[in-house]
Amino acid sequence: MGGWVITKDHLHKFSMFALGIKSHVGVGQGHIKEDLARNKTIAFKLCDENGNVNYEGRISESWFHGTEEGSIFDPLHWALAETDCTGMKYKNPTTGKWEVL
């Protein structure tokens, strides 16, 4: 089981790692900590309709690839409800480039 976590909040100007992984954590909080420790996560950004990055985070590889019950779009669904984010990008682990989902 995986999960996701917001690591940087550009709207409120703080880093979740500075506070510890507390809030804004998707299902599987314990598992995302394990995945982060094992480097089994993929970076993502959540953007508003103008392309401005509101949040940055990490999602478990298992959710990203659809092999677990969570969805790659769970962070976007959360951000849409919180701040009207409408777009999501991920850092392609192979190319290192940011790509739109």
C-alpha atoms as a PDB file:
ATOM      1  CA  MET A   1       0.000   0.000   0.000  1.00  0.00           C
ATOM      2  CA  GLY A   2       1.346   3.422  -0.901  1.00  0.00           C
ATOM      3  CA  GLY A   3       0.255   6.980  -0.562  1.00  0.00           C
ATOM      4  CA  TRP A   4       1.242  10.539  -1.290  1.00  0.00           C
ATOM      5  CA  VAL A   5       2.454  13.578   0.598  1.00  0.00           C
ATOM      6  CA  ILE A   6       2.729  17.304  -0.064  1.00  0.00           C
ATOM      7  CA  THR A   7       6.347  18.293   0.526  1.00  0.00           C
ATOM      8  CA  LYS A   8       6.129  22.002  -0.308  1.00  0.00           C
ATOM      9  CA  ASP A   9       3.204  24.392  -0.097  1.00  0.00           C
ATOM     10  CA  HIS A  10       3.855  27.422  -2.321  1.00  0.00           C
ATOM     11  CA  LEU A  11       0.622  29.129  -1.282  1.00  0.00           C
ATOM     12  CA  HIS A  12       1.382  29.175   2.423  1.00  0.00           C
ATOM     13  CA  LYS A  13       5.174  29.140   2.006  1.00  0.00           C
ATOM     14  CA  PHE A  14       6.214  26.171   4.105  1.00  0.00           C
ATOM     15  CA  SER A  15       7.779  22.777   3.669  1.00  0.00           C
ATOM     16  CA  MET A  16       5.995  19.725   5.007  1.00  0.00           C
ATOM     17  CA  PHE A  17       9.333  18.047   5.722  1.00  0.00           C
ATOM     18  CA  ALA A  18      10.217  20.892   8.059  1.00  0.00           C
ATOM     19  CA  LEU A  19       7.051  20.105  10.001  1.00  0.00           C
ATOM     20  CA  GLY A  20       7.215  16.352   9.587  1.00  0.00           C
ATOM     21  CA  ILE A  21       4.677  14.390   7.587  1.00  0.00           C
ATOM     22  CA  LYS A  22       1.484  15.321   9.395  1.00  0.00           C
ATOM     23  CA  SER A  23      -1.310  16.798   7.334  1.00  0.00           C
ATOM     24  CA  HIS A  24      -2.060  16.692   3.614  1.00  0.00           C
ATOM     25  CA  VAL A  25      -1.134  13.015   3.554  1.00  0.00           C
ATOM     26  CA  GLY A  26      -3.019  10.603   1.352  1.00  0.00           C
ATOM     27  CA  VAL A  27      -4.173   7.179   2.443  1.00  0.00           C
ATOM     28  CA  GLY A  28      -1.359   4.979   3.690  1.00  0.00           C
ATOM     29  CA  GLN A  29       0.590   7.513   5.744  1.00  0.00           C
ATOM     30  CA  GLY A  30       2.889   4.866   7.232  1.00  0.00           C
ATOM     31  CA  HIS A  31       3.521   3.361   3.833  1.00  0.00           C
ATOM     32  CA  ILE A  32       4.462   6.653   2.180  1.00  0.00           C
ATOM     33  CA  LYS A  33       7.084   7.127   4.891  1.00  0.00           C
ATOM     34  CA  GLU A  34       8.497   3.692   4.055  1.00  0.00           C
ATOM     35  CA  ASP A  35       8.429   4.467   0.316  1.00  0.00           C
ATOM     36  CA  LEU A  36      10.174   7.811   0.907  1.00  0.00           C
ATOM     37  CA  ALA A  37      12.885   6.091   2.935  1.00  0.00           C
ATOM     38  CA  ARG A  38      13.405   3.476   0.194  1.00  0.00           C
ATOM     39  CA  ASN A  39      13.344   6.090  -2.599  1.00  0.00           C
ATOM     40  CA  LYS A  40      10.244   4.456  -4.115  1.00  0.00           C
ATOM     41  CA  THR A  41       8.360   7.656  -4.889  1.00  0.00           C
ATOM     42  CA  ILE A  42       7.874   9.963  -7.862  1.00  0.00           C
ATOM     43  CA  ALA A  43       7.842  13.768  -7.628  1.00  0.00           C
ATOM     44  CA  PHE A  44       4.745  15.692  -8.711  1.00  0.00           C
ATOM     45  CA  LYS A  45       3.556  19.290  -8.919  1.00  0.00           C
ATOM     46  CA  LEU A  46      -0.016  20.557  -8.628  1.00  0.00           C
ATOM     47  CA  CYS A  47      -0.769  23.661 -10.694  1.00  0.00           C
ATOM     48  CA  ASP A  48      -3.562  26.190 -11.037  1.00  0.00           C
ATOM     49  CA  GLU A  49      -5.223  27.042 -14.353  1.00  0.00           C
ATOM     50  CA  ASN A  50      -2.444  29.551 -15.144  1.00  0.00           C
ATOM     51  CA  GLY A  51       0.276  26.926 -14.692  1.00  0.00           C
ATOM     52  CA  ASN A  52       1.479  28.307 -11.353  1.00  0.00           C
ATOM     53  CA  VAL A  53       2.730  25.598  -9.011  1.00  0.00           C
ATOM     54  CA  ASN A  54       0.720  25.564  -5.769  1.00  0.00           C
ATOM     55  CA  TYR A  55       2.091  22.354  -4.265  1.00  0.00           C
ATOM     56  CA  GLU A  56       4.925  19.896  -4.741  1.00  0.00           C
ATOM     57  CA  GLY A  57       4.876  16.375  -3.439  1.00  0.00           C
ATOM     58  CA  ARG A  58       5.816  12.735  -3.762  1.00  0.00           C
ATOM     59  CA  ILE A  59       3.612   9.763  -4.641  1.00  0.00           C
ATOM     60  CA  SER A  60       4.379   6.080  -4.158  1.00  0.00           C
ATOM     61  CA  GLU A  61       5.531   4.344  -7.315  1.00  0.00           C
ATOM     62  CA  SER A  62       2.851   1.701  -6.769  1.00  0.00           C
ATOM     63  CA  TRP A  63       0.097   4.345  -6.932  1.00  0.00           C
ATOM     64  CA  PHE A  64       1.707   6.077  -9.875  1.00  0.00           C
ATOM     65  CA  HIS A  65       1.796   2.867 -11.886  1.00  0.00           C
ATOM     66  CA  GLY A  66      -1.688   1.793 -10.779  1.00  0.00           C
ATOM     67  CA  THR A  67      -0.625  -1.368  -8.989  1.00  0.00           C
ATOM     68  CA  GLU A  68      -2.240  -0.338  -5.693  1.00  0.00           C
ATOM     69  CA  GLU A  69      -5.709   0.829  -4.677  1.00  0.00           C
ATOM     70  CA  GLY A  70      -4.822   4.527  -4.790  1.00  0.00           C
ATOM     71  CA  SER A  71      -4.878   6.704  -7.853  1.00  0.00           C
ATOM     72  CA  ILE A  72      -2.171   8.896  -9.292  1.00  0.00           C
ATOM     73  CA  PHE A  73      -4.803  11.643  -9.396  1.00  0.00           C
ATOM     74  CA  ASP A  74      -5.681  11.502  -5.666  1.00  0.00           C
ATOM     75  CA  PRO A  75      -3.402  14.483  -4.871  1.00  0.00           C
ATOM     76  CA  LEU A  76      -5.012  16.506  -7.677  1.00  0.00           C
ATOM     77  CA  HIS A  77      -8.505  15.673  -6.386  1.00  0.00           C
ATOM     78  CA  TRP A  78      -7.451  16.882  -2.929  1.00  0.00           C
ATOM     79  CA  ALA A  79      -5.879  20.077  -4.338  1.00  0.00           C
ATOM     80  CA  LEU A  80      -8.899  20.809  -6.534  1.00  0.00           C
ATOM     81  CA  ALA A  81     -11.093  20.852  -3.444  1.00  0.00           C
ATOM     82  CA  GLU A  82      -8.559  22.874  -1.425  1.00  0.00           C
ATOM     83  CA  THR A  83      -7.292  25.480  -3.921  1.00  0.00           C
ATOM     84  CA  ASP A  84      -8.809  24.939  -7.366  1.00  0.00           C
ATOM     85  CA  CYS A  85      -5.690  23.251  -8.774  1.00  0.00           C
ATOM     86  CA  THR A  86      -6.507  21.962 -12.233  1.00  0.00           C
ATOM     87  CA  GLY A  87      -3.273  20.392 -13.461  1.00  0.00           C
ATOM     88  CA  MET A  88      -0.655  17.888 -12.423  1.00  0.00           C
ATOM     89  CA  LYS A  89       2.883  17.270 -13.633  1.00  0.00           C
ATOM     90  CA  TYR A  90       5.263  14.499 -12.688  1.00  0.00           C
ATOM     91  CA  LYS A  91       9.018  14.195 -12.963  1.00  0.00           C
ATOM     92  CA  ASN A  92       9.693  11.385 -15.396  1.00  0.00           C
ATOM     93  CA  PRO A  93      12.143   9.096 -13.587  1.00  0.00           C
ATOM     94  CA  THR A  94      13.754   8.051 -16.878  1.00  0.00           C
ATOM     95  CA  THR A  95      14.250  11.444 -18.530  1.00  0.00           C
ATOM     96  CA  GLY A  96      14.230  13.711 -15.472  1.00  0.00           C
ATOM     97  CA  LYS A  97      11.839  16.059 -17.293  1.00  0.00           C
ATOM     98  CA  TRP A  98       8.530  17.379 -15.969  1.00  0.00           C
ATOM     99  CA  GLU A  99       5.560  16.027 -17.947  1.00  0.00           C
ATOM    100  CA  VAL A 100       1.848  16.859 -17.800  1.00  0.00           C
ATOM    101  CA  LEU A 101      -0.513  14.093 -16.746  1.00  0.00           C
END
